[in-house]
Amino acid sequence: MPWKVILQGRSEKQALKLPRPVLEALYALMVDIRDAGPVRGNWPNHSKLSGNRHHCHLKKGRPCYVAVWTEDKNTITVEIIYAGTHEKAPY
């Protein structure tokens, strides 16, 4: 069963400011999560954070871009809560 992947209001605004290659990586991540679930070990530096949060790198180097998302197993929903530079990520 596919997961529902949504961008939170703030992360949607952040996504519009991302460089095109990073935005394309974010959309690829969203499709990957939709099809295979929120645990994405095939993405660079994926890790499970506290509780139901995950993160991975969208682009390595300087600046490094990351995505942070939460999962809700009851509703099979994943919410992207942050997409931007590593320095401002909500860990």
PDB file of N, CA and C in Angstrom:
ATOM      1  N   MET A   1       0.846  -1.180   0.000  1.00  0.00           N
ATOM      2  CA  MET A   1       0.000   0.000   0.000  1.00  0.00           C
ATOM      3  C   MET A   1       0.890   1.241   0.000  1.00  0.00           C
ATOM      4  N   PRO A   2       0.644   2.192  -0.899  1.00  0.00           N
ATOM      5  CA  PRO A   2       1.494   3.393  -0.961  1.00  0.00           C
ATOM      6  C   PRO A   2       1.261   4.326   0.218  1.00  0.00           C
ATOM      7  N   TRP A   3       2.315   4.983   0.629  1.00  0.00           N
ATOM      8  CA  TRP A   3       2.248   5.975   1.696  1.00  0.00           C
ATOM      9  C   TRP A   3       1.805   7.301   1.104  1.00  0.00           C
ATOM     10  N   LYS A   4       1.126   8.099   1.888  1.00  0.00           N
ATOM     11  CA  LYS A   4       0.753   9.454   1.479  1.00  0.00           C
ATOM     12  C   LYS A   4       1.866  10.381   1.951  1.00  0.00           C
ATOM     13  N   VAL A   5       2.466  11.138   1.036  1.00  0.00           N
ATOM     14  CA  VAL A   5       3.572  12.037   1.359  1.00  0.00           C
ATOM     15  C   VAL A   5       3.108  13.465   1.129  1.00  0.00           C
ATOM     16  N   ILE A   6       3.225  14.292   2.170  1.00  0.00           N
ATOM     17  CA  ILE A   6       2.795  15.684   2.065  1.00  0.00           C
ATOM     18  C   ILE A   6       3.907  16.619   2.517  1.00  0.00           C
ATOM     19  N   LEU A   7       3.877  17.823   1.989  1.00  0.00           N
ATOM     20  CA  LEU A   7       4.778  18.884   2.433  1.00  0.00           C
ATOM     21  C   LEU A   7       4.011  19.775   3.396  1.00  0.00           C
ATOM     22  N   GLN A   8       4.557  20.006   4.563  1.00  0.00           N
ATOM     23  CA  GLN A   8       3.964  20.922   5.522  1.00  0.00           C
ATOM     24  C   GLN A   8       4.074  22.324   4.942  1.00  0.00           C
ATOM     25  N   GLY A   9       3.226  23.262   5.356  1.00  0.00           N
ATOM     26  CA  GLY A   9       3.216  24.619   4.824  1.00  0.00           C
ATOM     27  C   GLY A   9       4.576  25.274   4.770  1.00  0.00           C
ATOM     28  N   ARG A  10       5.319  25.221   5.863  1.00  0.00           N
ATOM     29  CA  ARG A  10       6.646  25.837   5.921  1.00  0.00           C
ATOM     30  C   ARG A  10       7.621  25.150   4.976  1.00  0.00           C
ATOM     31  N   SER A  11       7.590  23.827   4.927  1.00  0.00           N
ATOM     32  CA  SER A  11       8.532  23.112   4.066  1.00  0.00           C
ATOM     33  C   SER A  11       8.184  23.293   2.591  1.00  0.00           C
ATOM     34  N   GLU A  12       6.930  23.540   2.282  1.00  0.00           N
ATOM     35  CA  GLU A  12       6.549  23.815   0.902  1.00  0.00           C
ATOM     36  C   GLU A  12       7.176  25.131   0.438  1.00  0.00           C
ATOM     37  N   LYS A  13       7.159  26.138   1.312  1.00  0.00           N
ATOM     38  CA  LYS A  13       7.793  27.417   0.997  1.00  0.00           C
ATOM     39  C   LYS A  13       9.310  27.255   0.874  1.00  0.00           C
ATOM     40  N   GLN A  14       9.885  26.437   1.756  1.00  0.00           N
ATOM     41  CA  GLN A  14      11.329  26.189   1.698  1.00  0.00           C
ATOM     42  C   GLN A  14      11.700  25.502   0.385  1.00  0.00           C
ATOM     43  N   ALA A  15      10.865  24.556  -0.044  1.00  0.00           N
ATOM     44  CA  ALA A  15      11.151  23.806  -1.263  1.00  0.00           C
ATOM     45  C   ALA A  15      11.202  24.717  -2.481  1.00  0.00           C
ATOM     46  N   LEU A  16      10.370  25.733  -2.503  1.00  0.00           N
ATOM     47  CA  LEU A  16      10.350  26.650  -3.642  1.00  0.00           C
ATOM     48  C   LEU A  16      11.641  27.461  -3.758  1.00  0.00           C
ATOM     49  N   LYS A  17      12.389  27.574  -2.668  1.00  0.00           N
ATOM     50  CA  LYS A  17      13.641  28.336  -2.657  1.00  0.00           C
ATOM     51  C   LYS A  17      14.878  27.468  -2.933  1.00  0.00           C
ATOM     52  N   LEU A  18      14.691  26.155  -3.037  1.00  0.00           N
ATOM     53  CA  LEU A  18      15.822  25.252  -3.254  1.00  0.00           C
ATOM     54  C   LEU A  18      16.343  25.352  -4.679  1.00  0.00           C
ATOM     55  N   PRO A  19      17.645  25.135  -4.870  1.00  0.00           N
ATOM     56  CA  PRO A  19      18.179  25.041  -6.232  1.00  0.00           C
ATOM     57  C   PRO A  19      17.512  23.874  -6.969  1.00  0.00           C
ATOM     58  N   ARG A  20      17.390  23.992  -8.278  1.00  0.00           N
ATOM     59  CA  ARG A  20      16.661  23.001  -9.068  1.00  0.00           C
ATOM     60  C   ARG A  20      17.128  21.550  -8.842  1.00  0.00           C
ATOM     61  N   PRO A  21      18.439  21.254  -8.841  1.00  0.00           N
ATOM     62  CA  PRO A  21      18.848  19.855  -8.616  1.00  0.00           C
ATOM     63  C   PRO A  21      18.427  19.326  -7.237  1.00  0.00           C
ATOM     64  N   VAL A  22      18.433  20.189  -6.239  1.00  0.00           N
ATOM     65  CA  VAL A  22      18.043  19.775  -4.890  1.00  0.00           C
ATOM     66  C   VAL A  22      16.531  19.556  -4.841  1.00  0.00           C
ATOM     67  N   LEU A  23      15.775  20.412  -5.504  1.00  0.00           N
ATOM     68  CA  LEU A  23      14.323  20.256  -5.577  1.00  0.00           C
ATOM     69  C   LEU A  23      13.958  18.956  -6.277  1.00  0.00           C
ATOM     70  N   GLU A  24      14.673  18.626  -7.345  1.00  0.00           N
ATOM     71  CA  GLU A  24      14.437  17.360  -8.039  1.00  0.00           C
ATOM     72  C   GLU A  24      14.756  16.174  -7.139  1.00  0.00           C
ATOM     73  N   ALA A  25      15.805  16.289  -6.331  1.00  0.00           N
ATOM     74  CA  ALA A  25      16.148  15.223  -5.385  1.00  0.00           C
ATOM     75  C   ALA A  25      15.055  15.083  -4.328  1.00  0.00           C
ATOM     76  N   LEU A  26      14.487  16.210  -3.874  1.00  0.00           N
ATOM     77  CA  LEU A  26      13.402  16.163  -2.893  1.00  0.00           C
ATOM     78  C   LEU A  26      12.188  15.448  -3.467  1.00  0.00           C
ATOM     79  N   TYR A  27      11.831  15.763  -4.706  1.00  0.00           N
ATOM     80  CA  TYR A  27      10.693  15.083  -5.336  1.00  0.00           C
ATOM     81  C   TYR A  27      10.977  13.594  -5.527  1.00  0.00           C
ATOM     82  N   ALA A  28      12.210  13.249  -5.875  1.00  0.00           N
ATOM     83  CA  ALA A  28      12.584  11.837  -6.008  1.00  0.00           C
ATOM     84  C   ALA A  28      12.474  11.127  -4.662  1.00  0.00           C
ATOM     85  N   LEU A  29      12.889  11.802  -3.597  1.00  0.00           N
ATOM     86  CA  LEU A  29      12.761  11.237  -2.254  1.00  0.00           C
ATOM     87  C   LEU A  29      11.295  11.016  -1.910  1.00  0.00           C
ATOM     88  N   MET A  30      10.441  11.984  -2.239  1.00  0.00           N
ATOM     89  CA  MET A  30       9.018  11.862  -1.939  1.00  0.00           C
ATOM     90  C   MET A  30       8.394  10.673  -2.681  1.00  0.00           C
ATOM     91  N   VAL A  31       8.790  10.471  -3.921  1.00  0.00           N
ATOM     92  CA  VAL A  31       8.285   9.329  -4.692  1.00  0.00           C
ATOM     93  C   VAL A  31       8.795   8.028  -4.087  1.00  0.00           C
ATOM     94  N   ASP A  32      10.053   8.013  -3.687  1.00  0.00           N
ATOM     95  CA  ASP A  32      10.648   6.824  -3.083  1.00  0.00           C
ATOM     96  C   ASP A  32       9.941   6.477  -1.764  1.00  0.00           C
ATOM     97  N   ILE A  33       9.663   7.483  -0.946  1.00  0.00           N
ATOM     98  CA  ILE A  33       8.952   7.251   0.309  1.00  0.00           C
ATOM     99  C   ILE A  33       7.545   6.751   0.031  1.00  0.00           C
ATOM    100  N   ARG A  34       6.883   7.367  -0.944  1.00  0.00           N
ATOM    101  CA  ARG A  34       5.516   6.946  -1.290  1.00  0.00           C
ATOM    102  C   ARG A  34       5.476   5.470  -1.664  1.00  0.00           C
ATOM    103  N   ASP A  35       6.447   5.036  -2.454  1.00  0.00           N
ATOM    104  CA  ASP A  35       6.436   3.668  -2.965  1.00  0.00           C
ATOM    105  C   ASP A  35       6.989   2.636  -1.996  1.00  0.00           C
ATOM    106  N   ALA A  36       7.983   3.025  -1.172  1.00  0.00           N
ATOM    107  CA  ALA A  36       8.685   2.026  -0.357  1.00  0.00           C
ATOM    108  C   ALA A  36       8.649   2.289   1.145  1.00  0.00           C
ATOM    109  N   GLY A  37       8.037   3.393   1.584  1.00  0.00           N
ATOM    110  CA  GLY A  37       7.939   3.667   3.011  1.00  0.00           C
ATOM    111  C   GLY A  37       8.968   4.670   3.498  1.00  0.00           C
ATOM    112  N   PRO A  38       8.840   5.090   4.765  1.00  0.00           N
ATOM    113  CA  PRO A  38       9.657   6.175   5.299  1.00  0.00           C
ATOM    114  C   PRO A  38      11.095   5.821   5.656  1.00  0.00           C
ATOM    115  N   VAL A  39      11.433   4.565   5.804  1.00  0.00           N
ATOM    116  CA  VAL A  39      12.807   4.193   6.140  1.00  0.00           C
ATOM    117  C   VAL A  39      13.580   4.049   4.832  1.00  0.00           C
ATOM    118  N   ARG A  40      14.453   5.003   4.541  1.00  0.00           N
ATOM    119  CA  ARG A  40      15.137   5.073   3.254  1.00  0.00           C
ATOM    120  C   ARG A  40      16.631   4.866   3.414  1.00  0.00           C
ATOM    121  N   GLY A  41      17.040   3.662   3.637  1.00  0.00           N
ATOM    122  CA  GLY A  41      18.449   3.343   3.796  1.00  0.00           C
ATOM    123  C   GLY A  41      19.258   3.511   2.528  1.00  0.00           C
ATOM    124  N   ASN A  42      18.595   3.639   1.383  1.00  0.00           N
ATOM    125  CA  ASN A  42      19.296   3.800   0.116  1.00  0.00           C
ATOM    126  C   ASN A  42      19.611   5.268  -0.190  1.00  0.00           C
ATOM    127  N   TRP A  43      19.259   6.190   0.690  1.00  0.00           N
ATOM    128  CA  TRP A  43      19.571   7.611   0.514  1.00  0.00           C
ATOM    129  C   TRP A  43      20.782   7.962   1.370  1.00  0.00           C
ATOM    130  N   PRO A  44      21.605   8.928   0.907  1.00  0.00           N
ATOM    131  CA  PRO A  44      22.832   9.268   1.641  1.00  0.00           C
ATOM    132  C   PRO A  44      22.557   9.772   3.053  1.00  0.00           C
ATOM    133  N   ASN A  45      23.286   9.246   3.985  1.00  0.00           N
ATOM    134  CA  ASN A  45      23.238   9.649   5.387  1.00  0.00           C
ATOM    135  C   ASN A  45      21.840   9.576   5.992  1.00  0.00           C
ATOM    136  N   HIS A  46      21.032   8.617   5.547  1.00  0.00           N
ATOM    137  CA  HIS A  46      19.717   8.453   6.169  1.00  0.00           C
ATOM    138  C   HIS A  46      19.907   8.006   7.607  1.00  0.00           C
ATOM    139  N   SER A  47      19.128   8.583   8.502  1.00  0.00           N
ATOM    140  CA  SER A  47      19.130   8.106   9.879  1.00  0.00           C
ATOM    141  C   SER A  47      17.782   8.374  10.504  1.00  0.00           C
ATOM    142  N   LYS A  48      17.447   7.504  11.427  1.00  0.00           N
ATOM    143  CA  LYS A  48      16.223   7.699  12.189  1.00  0.00           C
ATOM    144  C   LYS A  48      16.582   8.579  13.367  1.00  0.00           C
ATOM    145  N   LEU A  49      15.831   9.653  13.528  1.00  0.00           N
ATOM    146  CA  LEU A  49      16.049  10.561  14.647  1.00  0.00           C
ATOM    147  C   LEU A  49      15.130  10.128  15.783  1.00  0.00           C
ATOM    148  N   SER A  50      14.963  10.947  16.773  1.00  0.00           N
ATOM    149  CA  SER A  50      14.122  10.581  17.913  1.00  0.00           C
ATOM    150  C   SER A  50      12.668  10.390  17.481  1.00  0.00           C
ATOM    151  N   GLY A  51      12.010   9.444  18.132  1.00  0.00           N
ATOM    152  CA  GLY A  51      10.592   9.208  17.863  1.00  0.00           C
ATOM    153  C   GLY A  51      10.342   8.711  16.457  1.00  0.00           C
ATOM    154  N   ASN A  52       9.499   9.419  15.730  1.00  0.00           N
ATOM    155  CA  ASN A  52       9.107   8.996  14.386  1.00  0.00           C
ATOM    156  C   ASN A  52       9.724   9.880  13.304  1.00  0.00           C
ATOM    157  N   ARG A  53      10.831  10.543  13.588  1.00  0.00           N
ATOM    158  CA  ARG A  53      11.495  11.434  12.628  1.00  0.00           C
ATOM    159  C   ARG A  53      12.640  10.731  11.920  1.00  0.00           C
ATOM    160  N   HIS A  54      12.849  11.133  10.667  1.00  0.00           N
ATOM    161  CA  HIS A  54      13.951  10.634   9.847  1.00  0.00           C
ATOM    162  C   HIS A  54      14.583  11.817   9.137  1.00  0.00           C
ATOM    163  N   HIS A  55      15.806  11.631   8.644  1.00  0.00           N
ATOM    164  CA  HIS A  55      16.430  12.650   7.812  1.00  0.00           C
ATOM    165  C   HIS A  55      17.387  11.986   6.836  1.00  0.00           C
ATOM    166  N   CYS A  56      17.684  12.686   5.748  1.00  0.00           N
ATOM    167  CA  CYS A  56      18.710  12.243   4.816  1.00  0.00           C
ATOM    168  C   CYS A  56      19.240  13.459   4.068  1.00  0.00           C
ATOM    169  N   HIS A  57      20.362  13.280   3.409  1.00  0.00           N
ATOM    170  CA  HIS A  57      20.972  14.358   2.629  1.00  0.00           C
ATOM    171  C   HIS A  57      20.395  14.345   1.222  1.00  0.00           C
ATOM    172  N   LEU A  58      20.018  15.513   0.745  1.00  0.00           N
ATOM    173  CA  LEU A  58      19.572  15.666  -0.637  1.00  0.00           C
ATOM    174  C   LEU A  58      20.747  16.015  -1.538  1.00  0.00           C
ATOM    175  N   LYS A  59      21.723  16.749  -0.972  1.00  0.00           N
ATOM    176  CA  LYS A  59      22.935  17.123  -1.701  1.00  0.00           C
ATOM    177  C   LYS A  59      24.065  17.259  -0.697  1.00  0.00           C
ATOM    178  N   LYS A  60      25.149  16.549  -0.953  1.00  0.00           N
ATOM    179  CA  LYS A  60      26.321  16.666  -0.093  1.00  0.00           C
ATOM    180  C   LYS A  60      27.169  17.838  -0.537  1.00  0.00           C
ATOM    181  N   GLY A  61      28.139  18.205   0.250  1.00  0.00           N
ATOM    182  CA  GLY A  61      29.038  19.289  -0.100  1.00  0.00           C
ATOM    183  C   GLY A  61      28.657  20.558   0.634  1.00  0.00           C
ATOM    184  N   ARG A  62      29.072  21.671   0.071  1.00  0.00           N
ATOM    185  CA  ARG A  62      28.773  22.955   0.697  1.00  0.00           C
ATOM    186  C   ARG A  62      27.974  23.813  -0.255  1.00  0.00           C
ATOM    187  N   PRO A  63      26.797  24.242   0.077  1.00  0.00           N
ATOM    188  CA  PRO A  63      26.103  23.865   1.304  1.00  0.00           C
ATOM    189  C   PRO A  63      25.468  22.480   1.170  1.00  0.00           C
ATOM    190  N   CYS A  64      25.319  21.818   2.287  1.00  0.00           N
ATOM    191  CA  CYS A  64      24.682  20.514   2.341  1.00  0.00           C
ATOM    192  C   CYS A  64      23.179  20.732   2.539  1.00  0.00           C
ATOM    193  N   TYR A  65      22.364  20.062   1.744  1.00  0.00           N
ATOM    194  CA  TYR A  65      20.913  20.174   1.863  1.00  0.00           C
ATOM    195  C   TYR A  65      20.353  18.876   2.420  1.00  0.00           C
ATOM    196  N   VAL A  66      19.385  18.989   3.330  1.00  0.00           N
ATOM    197  CA  VAL A  66      18.786  17.826   3.963  1.00  0.00           C
ATOM    198  C   VAL A  66      17.263  17.926   3.928  1.00  0.00           C
ATOM    199  N   ALA A  67      16.634  16.788   4.135  1.00  0.00           N
ATOM    200  CA  ALA A  67      15.184  16.727   4.311  1.00  0.00           C
ATOM    201  C   ALA A  67      14.921  16.013   5.622  1.00  0.00           C
ATOM    202  N   VAL A  68      13.918  16.482   6.356  1.00  0.00           N
ATOM    203  CA  VAL A  68      13.506  15.858   7.615  1.00  0.00           C
ATOM    204  C   VAL A  68      12.021  15.548   7.482  1.00  0.00           C
ATOM    205  N   TRP A  69      11.635  14.336   7.870  1.00  0.00           N
ATOM    206  CA  TRP A  69      10.228  13.967   7.769  1.00  0.00           C
ATOM    207  C   TRP A  69       9.785  13.157   8.974  1.00  0.00           C
ATOM    208  N   THR A  70       8.473  13.159   9.199  1.00  0.00           N
ATOM    209  CA  THR A  70       7.875  12.366  10.264  1.00  0.00           C
ATOM    210  C   THR A  70       6.937  11.354   9.637  1.00  0.00           C
ATOM    211  N   GLU A  71       6.764  10.246  10.324  1.00  0.00           N
ATOM    212  CA  GLU A  71       5.862   9.205   9.831  1.00  0.00           C
ATOM    213  C   GLU A  71       4.742   8.976  10.834  1.00  0.00           C
ATOM    214  N   ASP A  72       3.574   8.671  10.319  1.00  0.00           N
ATOM    215  CA  ASP A  72       2.422   8.286  11.141  1.00  0.00           C
ATOM    216  C   ASP A  72       1.930   6.952  10.608  1.00  0.00           C
ATOM    217  N   LYS A  73       2.272   5.887  11.305  1.00  0.00           N
ATOM    218  CA  LYS A  73       1.940   4.542  10.829  1.00  0.00           C
ATOM    219  C   LYS A  73       0.444   4.269  10.860  1.00  0.00           C
ATOM    220  N   ASN A  74      -0.290   4.960  11.728  1.00  0.00           N
ATOM    221  CA  ASN A  74      -1.732   4.731  11.822  1.00  0.00           C
ATOM    222  C   ASN A  74      -2.459   5.173  10.559  1.00  0.00           C
ATOM    223  N   THR A  75      -2.040   6.286   9.976  1.00  0.00           N
ATOM    224  CA  THR A  75      -2.698   6.798   8.775  1.00  0.00           C
ATOM    225  C   THR A  75      -1.868   6.593   7.512  1.00  0.00           C
ATOM    226  N   ILE A  76      -0.722   5.933   7.633  1.00  0.00           N
ATOM    227  CA  ILE A  76       0.205   5.690   6.531  1.00  0.00           C
ATOM    228  C   ILE A  76       0.532   7.017   5.831  1.00  0.00           C
ATOM    229  N   THR A  77       0.918   7.993   6.643  1.00  0.00           N
ATOM    230  CA  THR A  77       1.233   9.328   6.140  1.00  0.00           C
ATOM    231  C   THR A  77       2.653   9.715   6.532  1.00  0.00           C
ATOM    232  N   VAL A  78       3.354  10.328   5.607  1.00  0.00           N
ATOM    233  CA  VAL A  78       4.674  10.893   5.858  1.00  0.00           C
ATOM    234  C   VAL A  78       4.579  12.377   5.569  1.00  0.00           C
ATOM    235  N   GLU A  79       5.063  13.191   6.503  1.00  0.00           N
ATOM    236  CA  GLU A  79       5.019  14.630   6.343  1.00  0.00           C
ATOM    237  C   GLU A  79       6.442  15.173   6.300  1.00  0.00           C
ATOM    238  N   ILE A  80       6.799  15.806   5.204  1.00  0.00           N
ATOM    239  CA  ILE A  80       8.107  16.455   5.083  1.00  0.00           C
ATOM    240  C   ILE A  80       8.013  17.748   5.886  1.00  0.00           C
ATOM    241  N   ILE A  81       8.795  17.857   6.959  1.00  0.00           N
ATOM    242  CA  ILE A  81       8.690  19.036   7.820  1.00  0.00           C
ATOM    243  C   ILE A  81       9.803  20.041   7.589  1.00  0.00           C
ATOM    244  N   TYR A  82      10.861  19.622   6.863  1.00  0.00           N
ATOM    245  CA  TYR A  82      11.960  20.550   6.586  1.00  0.00           C
ATOM    246  C   TYR A  82      12.688  20.118   5.327  1.00  0.00           C
ATOM    247  N   ALA A  83      13.017  21.090   4.498  1.00  0.00           N
ATOM    248  CA  ALA A  83      13.860  20.865   3.331  1.00  0.00           C
ATOM    249  C   ALA A  83      14.721  22.110   3.162  1.00  0.00           C
ATOM    250  N   GLY A  84      16.003  21.977   3.409  1.00  0.00           N
ATOM    251  CA  GLY A  84      16.880  23.140   3.314  1.00  0.00           C
ATOM    252  C   GLY A  84      18.297  22.795   3.713  1.00  0.00           C
ATOM    253  N   THR A  85      19.051  23.818   4.076  1.00  0.00           N
ATOM    254  CA  THR A  85      20.456  23.619   4.430  1.00  0.00           C
ATOM    255  C   THR A  85      20.593  22.897   5.755  1.00  0.00           C
ATOM    256  N   HIS A  86      21.697  22.222   5.902  1.00  0.00           N
ATOM    257  CA  HIS A  86      21.981  21.404   7.078  1.00  0.00           C
ATOM    258  C   HIS A  86      22.024  22.250   8.357  1.00  0.00           C
ATOM    259  N   GLU A  87      22.509  23.490   8.257  1.00  0.00           N
ATOM    260  CA  GLU A  87      22.705  24.325   9.443  1.00  0.00           C
ATOM    261  C   GLU A  87      21.398  24.634  10.158  1.00  0.00           C
ATOM    262  N   LYS A  88      20.300  24.743   9.451  1.00  0.00           N
ATOM    263  CA  LYS A  88      19.028  25.138  10.047  1.00  0.00           C
ATOM    264  C   LYS A  88      18.076  23.977  10.278  1.00  0.00           C
ATOM    265  N   ALA A  89      18.536  22.758  10.075  1.00  0.00           N
ATOM    266  CA  ALA A  89      17.669  21.584  10.185  1.00  0.00           C
ATOM    267  C   ALA A  89      17.178  21.380  11.617  1.00  0.00           C
ATOM    268  N   PRO A  90      15.909  21.034  11.783  1.00  0.00           N
ATOM    269  CA  PRO A  90      15.334  20.819  13.115  1.00  0.00           C
ATOM    270  C   PRO A  90      15.589  19.404  13.634  1.00  0.00           C
ATOM    271  N   TYR A  91      16.775  19.174  14.165  1.00  0.00           N
ATOM    272  CA  TYR A  91      17.094  17.842  14.703  1.00  0.00           C
ATOM    273  C   TYR A  91      16.589  17.776  16.103  1.00  0.00           C
TER     274      TYR A  91
END
